[in-house]
Amino acid sequence: MLETSARLLALLSLLQARRDWPGQTLAERLEVSPRTVRRDVDRLRDLGYPVQATRGPDGGYRLDAGSELPPLLFDDDQAVAVAVALQTATMSVEGVEEAALRALATVRQVMPARLRQRVDALQVTRVTKTGWQPSRVDTSVLLAIGQAVRAREVLRFDYAGVRELAAGAAGERRRAEPCHVVTWGGRWYLIGYDLDRSDWRTFRVDRMTLRTPNGPRFTPRPLPAADVAAFVAERFEGHDPLPCRGQAIMHAPAAAITQWARGQAVVEVVAPDRCRVSTGSWSWTGLAAWFGMFDVEVEVIGPPQLREATAALAARFARAAAPSS
């Protein structure tokens, strides 16, 4: 039979493992009498653990949520998982840096040496890719969205799309029935039903500015997919994130263009000294500039927006090259 202190830890571990436990089953697992289980439950309650008695043919116990966070008991794999998660949490969520470091120090301090060595072996260093800004969201925004999803309340927010960001304009006011919060490609997204467009949409959380209060409660709609994973895959896999796409004939061999455009464009052979290039950019002016960076003649195929941007860029460069009066 386990000593009292060890038995209490074993009982706590069992109560954390699943929601409901019949009293007789706990007694059998701990190799004690049901009366001893009742006394041990009372001791846990005295220590601040909200253990509730459950009704039923056998009776039992449940560890409920309380007003304060009591000490938790982790097995080896859980402790290591928590430590690794705390090291990587700050990479995509703002506002948790200090708390995550303090929590990591607390967990590490009470770890056995064998586990501390496993955690210390993994030192995560954040390196930002040149020219790429990671998408980071504030903890309070994620929590507010999560609460709206759970409460089934309409979210009201301003949303800055690609056009608003490019123009430096304020976001467009939107209303959506929030369904799920997901991560994809290092970014946080809200999946919801857009009430103004009467269709399902994905919203980047870092582009959302929430308005208060939330709207009315709603009845959840079925996702137009088998599950969340299928919905996200349909929306993003094979989806081109660049809103402006165009084509041009480059007066150069396809091999010469491919050498510098690999991974950025589709290059097709038209003639030994010409090729058709299809690519995209965040703006039409940026796309025109991309075609112009090659030191060859260019024939713009389209669309009309690319032709207009090319003409405007050519006029801008002509003014820049004109001698000052």
Protein backbone atom coordinates (compact mmCIF):
# COMPACT_ATOMS: atom_id res chain seq x y z
CA MET A 1 0.00 0.00 0.00
CA LEU A 2 1.26 3.47 -0.86
CA GLU A 3 2.07 5.96 1.89
CA THR A 4 -0.45 8.76 2.32
CA SER A 5 1.50 11.49 0.46
CA ALA A 6 2.37 9.21 -2.45
CA ARG A 7 -1.21 7.94 -2.54
CA LEU A 8 -2.56 11.51 -2.75
CA LEU A 9 -0.32 12.21 -5.74
CA ALA A 10 -1.46 8.98 -7.40
CA LEU A 11 -5.10 9.89 -6.75
CA LEU A 12 -4.57 13.38 -8.20
CA SER A 13 -2.92 11.92 -11.29
CA LEU A 14 -5.89 9.61 -11.85
CA LEU A 15 -8.42 12.43 -11.39
CA GLN A 16 -6.55 14.54 -13.97
CA ALA A 17 -6.44 11.69 -16.47
CA ARG A 18 -10.19 11.49 -17.12
CA ARG A 19 -13.36 13.34 -16.21
CA ASP A 20 -15.29 10.89 -13.99
CA TRP A 21 -14.08 8.06 -11.78
CA PRO A 22 -16.32 5.56 -9.91
CA GLY A 23 -15.26 5.40 -6.27
CA GLN A 24 -14.84 1.63 -6.34
CA THR A 25 -12.59 1.84 -9.40
CA LEU A 26 -10.35 4.40 -7.69
CA ALA A 27 -10.15 2.16 -4.63
CA GLU A 28 -9.10 -0.80 -6.78
CA ARG A 29 -6.49 1.24 -8.67
CA LEU A 30 -4.99 2.56 -5.43
CA GLU A 31 -5.39 -0.78 -3.63
CA VAL A 32 -7.25 0.79 -0.71
CA SER A 33 -10.80 0.76 0.62
CA PRO A 34 -13.54 3.15 -0.60
CA ARG A 35 -13.45 4.74 2.85
CA THR A 36 -9.75 5.58 2.40
CA VAL A 37 -10.53 7.09 -0.99
CA ARG A 38 -13.14 9.34 0.63
CA ARG A 39 -10.61 10.52 3.23
CA ASP A 40 -7.99 11.18 0.56
CA VAL A 41 -10.51 13.17 -1.47
CA ASP A 42 -11.20 15.31 1.59
CA ARG A 43 -7.45 15.93 1.96
CA LEU A 44 -7.23 17.08 -1.67
CA ARG A 45 -10.14 19.43 -1.09
CA ASP A 46 -8.33 20.89 1.93
CA LEU A 47 -5.33 21.53 -0.36
CA GLY A 48 -7.53 23.53 -2.77
CA TYR A 49 -8.39 20.91 -5.40
CA PRO A 50 -12.09 21.16 -6.41
CA VAL A 51 -12.97 17.45 -6.28
CA GLN A 52 -16.72 16.98 -6.65
CA ALA A 53 -18.77 13.90 -5.81
CA THR A 54 -20.82 12.53 -8.72
CA ARG A 55 -24.13 10.76 -8.51
CA GLY A 56 -24.88 7.41 -10.04
CA PRO A 57 -25.25 3.73 -9.31
CA ASP A 58 -21.66 3.48 -8.07
CA GLY A 59 -21.02 7.09 -7.07
CA GLY A 60 -17.73 8.67 -7.91
CA TYR A 61 -15.53 11.74 -8.12
CA ARG A 62 -14.64 14.45 -10.61
CA LEU A 63 -11.90 17.11 -10.62
CA ASP A 64 -13.67 20.34 -11.58
CA ALA A 65 -12.31 23.75 -12.50
CA GLY A 66 -11.82 26.06 -9.51
CA SER A 67 -11.43 29.78 -8.87
CA GLU A 68 -7.67 29.38 -8.38
CA LEU A 69 -5.11 27.21 -10.12
CA PRO A 70 -3.87 24.50 -7.74
CA PRO A 71 -0.57 22.64 -8.24
CA LEU A 72 -0.69 20.34 -11.25
CA LEU A 73 0.86 16.92 -11.72
CA PHE A 74 2.53 16.03 -15.02
CA ASP A 75 4.08 12.81 -16.20
CA ASP A 76 7.49 12.93 -17.91
CA ASP A 77 6.20 13.38 -21.47
CA GLN A 78 3.70 16.05 -20.42
CA ALA A 79 6.39 18.04 -18.59
CA VAL A 80 8.72 18.01 -21.60
CA ALA A 81 5.84 18.95 -23.94
CA VAL A 82 4.93 21.93 -21.74
CA ALA A 83 8.55 23.13 -21.67
CA VAL A 84 8.91 22.88 -25.46
CA ALA A 85 5.56 24.65 -26.02
CA LEU A 86 6.61 27.51 -23.73
CA GLN A 87 9.82 28.03 -25.73
CA THR A 88 7.94 28.31 -29.02
CA ALA A 89 4.83 30.15 -27.80
CA THR A 90 6.35 33.62 -28.23
CA MET A 91 7.05 33.06 -31.93
CA SER A 92 3.47 33.73 -33.04
CA VAL A 93 1.66 35.24 -30.05
CA GLU A 94 2.48 38.65 -28.60
CA GLY A 95 2.12 39.59 -24.97
CA VAL A 96 3.17 36.24 -23.49
CA GLU A 97 6.95 36.61 -23.59
CA GLU A 98 7.59 37.38 -19.92
CA ALA A 99 4.91 35.03 -18.62
CA ALA A 100 6.17 32.19 -20.83
CA LEU A 101 9.75 32.64 -19.62
CA ARG A 102 8.64 32.68 -15.98
CA ALA A 103 6.51 29.59 -16.50
CA LEU A 104 9.39 27.81 -18.24
CA ALA A 105 11.73 28.64 -15.35
CA THR A 106 9.16 27.34 -12.86
CA VAL A 107 8.63 24.07 -14.72
CA ARG A 108 12.36 23.54 -15.26
CA GLN A 109 13.19 24.19 -11.61
CA VAL A 110 11.07 21.32 -10.32
CA MET A 111 12.01 18.87 -13.07
CA PRO A 112 14.07 15.79 -12.27
CA ALA A 113 17.60 15.95 -13.67
CA ARG A 114 16.82 13.41 -16.40
CA LEU A 115 14.00 15.60 -17.76
CA ARG A 116 15.90 18.87 -17.34
CA GLN A 117 18.65 17.51 -19.58
CA ARG A 118 16.09 16.66 -22.28
CA VAL A 119 14.59 20.16 -22.16
CA ASP A 120 17.98 21.93 -22.05
CA ALA A 121 19.05 19.99 -25.13
CA LEU A 122 16.42 21.86 -27.13
CA GLN A 123 17.28 25.55 -27.27
CA VAL A 124 15.03 27.30 -29.77
CA THR A 125 16.43 30.41 -31.46
CA ARG A 126 14.11 32.54 -33.51
CA VAL A 127 15.56 33.64 -36.86
CA THR A 128 13.49 35.89 -39.10
CA LYS A 129 13.76 35.32 -42.81
CA THR A 130 15.12 38.35 -44.66
CA GLY A 131 12.33 40.41 -46.15
CA TRP A 132 9.63 38.42 -44.35
CA GLN A 133 7.73 39.65 -41.35
CA PRO A 134 6.13 36.89 -39.27
CA SER A 135 2.47 37.17 -38.42
CA ARG A 136 2.11 37.77 -34.66
CA VAL A 137 -1.13 38.38 -32.84
CA ASP A 138 -1.91 39.75 -29.42
CA THR A 139 -3.00 37.27 -26.77
CA SER A 140 -6.01 39.37 -25.85
CA VAL A 141 -7.27 39.29 -29.44
CA LEU A 142 -6.96 35.50 -29.65
CA LEU A 143 -8.75 35.09 -26.32
CA ALA A 144 -11.54 37.48 -27.34
CA ILE A 145 -12.09 35.61 -30.60
CA GLY A 146 -11.97 32.27 -28.82
CA GLN A 147 -14.58 33.44 -26.32
CA ALA A 148 -16.85 34.59 -29.16
CA VAL A 149 -16.48 31.19 -30.84
CA ARG A 150 -17.37 29.42 -27.60
CA ALA A 151 -20.28 31.76 -26.78
CA ARG A 152 -21.53 31.69 -30.40
CA GLU A 153 -21.66 35.48 -30.61
CA VAL A 154 -21.33 37.49 -33.82
CA LEU A 155 -17.95 39.23 -34.08
CA ARG A 156 -17.79 42.87 -35.18
CA PHE A 157 -14.42 44.04 -36.45
CA ASP A 158 -12.49 46.16 -38.92
CA TYR A 159 -10.56 44.09 -41.44
CA ALA A 160 -7.56 45.37 -43.41
CA GLY A 161 -7.34 43.43 -46.67
CA VAL A 162 -4.59 43.63 -49.27
CA ARG A 163 -6.03 46.77 -50.88
CA GLU A 164 -6.39 48.61 -47.55
CA LEU A 165 -2.86 47.66 -46.50
CA ALA A 166 -1.39 48.80 -49.83
CA ALA A 167 -3.25 52.13 -49.65
CA GLY A 168 -2.66 52.63 -45.94
CA ALA A 169 -6.42 52.93 -45.52
CA ALA A 170 -8.57 51.95 -42.57
CA GLY A 171 -9.97 48.45 -42.47
CA GLU A 172 -13.42 47.61 -43.78
CA ARG A 173 -16.12 47.01 -41.16
CA ARG A 174 -17.18 43.36 -41.12
CA ARG A 175 -19.56 41.05 -39.25
CA ALA A 176 -19.02 37.32 -39.03
CA GLU A 177 -20.26 34.28 -37.17
CA PRO A 178 -16.97 32.86 -35.78
CA CYS A 179 -16.53 29.12 -36.15
CA HIS A 180 -12.89 28.11 -35.60
CA VAL A 181 -9.47 29.64 -34.96
CA VAL A 182 -6.73 27.84 -36.90
CA THR A 183 -3.06 28.24 -37.73
CA TRP A 184 -1.76 27.78 -41.27
CA GLY A 185 1.68 28.57 -42.64
CA GLY A 186 2.75 30.43 -39.50
CA ARG A 187 -0.36 32.64 -39.42
CA TRP A 188 -3.52 32.68 -37.31
CA TYR A 189 -6.86 32.63 -39.12
CA LEU A 190 -10.49 32.89 -38.10
CA ILE A 191 -12.92 30.73 -40.04
CA GLY A 192 -16.35 32.30 -40.01
CA TYR A 193 -19.51 32.99 -41.95
CA ASP A 194 -19.43 36.53 -43.36
CA LEU A 195 -22.89 37.99 -42.78
CA ASP A 196 -22.41 40.84 -45.25
CA ARG A 197 -21.25 38.56 -48.10
CA SER A 198 -23.38 35.56 -47.19
CA ASP A 199 -20.48 33.17 -47.57
CA TRP A 200 -17.75 31.44 -45.58
CA ARG A 201 -14.48 33.35 -45.25
CA THR A 202 -11.04 33.04 -43.66
CA PHE A 203 -9.75 36.16 -41.89
CA ARG A 204 -6.16 36.75 -40.87
CA VAL A 205 -6.29 37.51 -37.15
CA ASP A 206 -3.37 39.96 -37.31
CA ARG A 207 -5.45 42.11 -39.69
CA MET A 208 -8.52 42.19 -37.45
CA THR A 209 -9.34 45.08 -35.10
CA LEU A 210 -12.15 43.92 -32.85
CA ARG A 211 -15.11 46.12 -32.00
CA THR A 212 -17.13 45.86 -28.81
CA PRO A 213 -19.56 44.68 -27.81
CA ASN A 214 -20.08 41.48 -29.77
CA GLY A 215 -23.24 40.99 -31.75
CA PRO A 216 -26.15 38.67 -30.95
CA ARG A 217 -25.87 34.94 -30.38
CA PHE A 218 -26.33 32.68 -33.39
CA THR A 219 -27.04 29.08 -34.28
CA PRO A 220 -23.90 27.47 -35.78
CA ARG A 221 -24.01 26.69 -39.49
CA PRO A 222 -22.49 23.48 -40.89
CA LEU A 223 -19.11 23.96 -42.52
CA PRO A 224 -19.14 23.43 -46.31
CA ALA A 225 -16.58 20.65 -45.86
CA ALA A 226 -16.16 17.35 -44.04
CA ASP A 227 -14.26 19.02 -41.19
CA VAL A 228 -12.08 22.04 -40.38
CA ALA A 229 -8.94 20.43 -41.85
CA ALA A 230 -10.72 19.72 -45.13
CA PHE A 231 -12.09 23.27 -45.28
CA VAL A 232 -8.64 24.82 -44.71
CA ALA A 233 -7.03 22.51 -47.25
CA GLU A 234 -9.62 23.43 -49.87
CA ARG A 235 -9.12 27.15 -49.23
CA PHE A 236 -5.34 27.24 -49.08
CA GLU A 237 -3.80 24.28 -50.87
CA GLY A 238 -3.10 25.36 -54.42
CA HIS A 239 -4.38 28.83 -53.61
CA ASP A 240 -2.31 31.67 -55.02
CA PRO A 241 -1.87 34.34 -52.30
CA LEU A 242 -0.70 36.95 -54.85
CA PRO A 243 -3.71 39.00 -55.99
CA CYS A 244 -2.15 40.43 -59.17
CA ARG A 245 -1.15 38.03 -61.92
CA GLY A 246 -0.10 38.75 -65.50
CA GLN A 247 1.79 37.56 -68.57
CA ALA A 248 4.40 39.05 -70.87
CA ILE A 249 6.57 37.98 -73.77
CA MET A 250 10.27 38.33 -72.90
CA HIS A 251 12.71 38.76 -75.81
CA ALA A 252 15.19 36.27 -74.41
CA PRO A 253 15.67 32.49 -74.42
CA ALA A 254 13.55 30.67 -71.86
CA ALA A 255 16.67 29.23 -70.21
CA ALA A 256 18.05 32.73 -69.56
CA ILE A 257 14.85 33.89 -67.85
CA THR A 258 14.37 30.65 -65.92
CA GLN A 259 17.84 31.01 -64.42
CA TRP A 260 16.70 34.10 -62.51
CA ALA A 261 12.96 33.49 -62.22
CA ARG A 262 13.04 29.93 -60.87
CA GLY A 263 10.33 29.52 -58.23
CA GLN A 264 8.76 32.90 -59.01
CA ALA A 265 7.23 32.39 -62.43
CA VAL A 266 6.13 29.92 -65.10
CA VAL A 267 8.30 30.22 -68.20
CA GLU A 268 7.13 28.79 -71.55
CA VAL A 269 9.18 28.60 -74.76
CA VAL A 270 7.66 30.61 -77.62
CA ALA A 271 10.66 30.75 -79.95
CA PRO A 272 14.41 30.15 -79.57
CA ASP A 273 14.86 33.79 -78.57
CA ARG A 274 11.51 34.44 -76.87
CA CYS A 275 9.42 33.06 -74.00
CA ARG A 276 6.08 33.66 -72.30
CA VAL A 277 6.36 34.40 -68.57
CA SER A 278 3.46 34.19 -66.09
CA THR A 279 3.92 35.45 -62.55
CA GLY A 280 2.27 37.41 -59.77
CA SER A 281 2.83 40.18 -57.27
CA TRP A 282 1.11 42.04 -54.45
CA SER A 283 0.43 45.04 -56.74
CA TRP A 284 0.21 45.76 -60.44
CA THR A 285 3.03 48.28 -60.22
CA GLY A 286 5.21 45.71 -58.48
CA LEU A 287 4.40 43.19 -61.20
CA ALA A 288 5.32 45.69 -63.93
CA ALA A 289 8.59 46.44 -62.16
CA TRP A 290 9.35 42.72 -61.94
CA PHE A 291 9.03 42.29 -65.71
CA GLY A 292 11.12 45.42 -66.21
CA MET A 293 14.06 44.21 -64.13
CA PHE A 294 15.24 41.96 -66.96
CA ASP A 295 17.49 43.78 -69.44
CA VAL A 296 15.40 42.64 -72.44
CA GLU A 297 12.48 43.87 -74.51
CA VAL A 298 9.06 43.12 -72.99
CA GLU A 299 5.63 42.74 -74.62
CA VAL A 300 2.85 42.87 -72.06
CA ILE A 301 0.09 40.35 -72.81
CA GLY A 302 -2.26 41.35 -70.00
CA PRO A 303 -4.44 41.85 -68.18
CA PRO A 304 -5.33 45.52 -68.76
CA GLN A 305 -4.33 46.44 -65.20
CA LEU A 306 -0.77 45.29 -65.95
CA ARG A 307 -0.65 47.37 -69.14
CA GLU A 308 -1.84 50.46 -67.24
CA ALA A 309 0.67 49.91 -64.45
CA THR A 310 3.48 49.43 -67.01
CA ALA A 311 2.59 52.70 -68.75
CA ALA A 312 2.41 54.56 -65.42
CA LEU A 313 5.77 53.13 -64.32
CA ALA A 314 7.38 54.01 -67.65
CA ALA A 315 6.13 57.60 -67.33
CA ARG A 316 7.44 57.79 -63.76
CA PHE A 317 10.90 56.61 -64.82
CA ALA A 318 10.86 59.00 -67.79
CA ARG A 319 10.23 61.90 -65.44
CA ALA A 320 12.94 60.67 -63.10
CA ALA A 321 15.46 60.50 -65.95
CA ALA A 322 14.58 63.92 -67.41
CA PRO A 323 17.21 66.58 -66.75
CA SER A 324 16.24 69.01 -64.03
CA SER A 325 15.53 72.56 -65.20
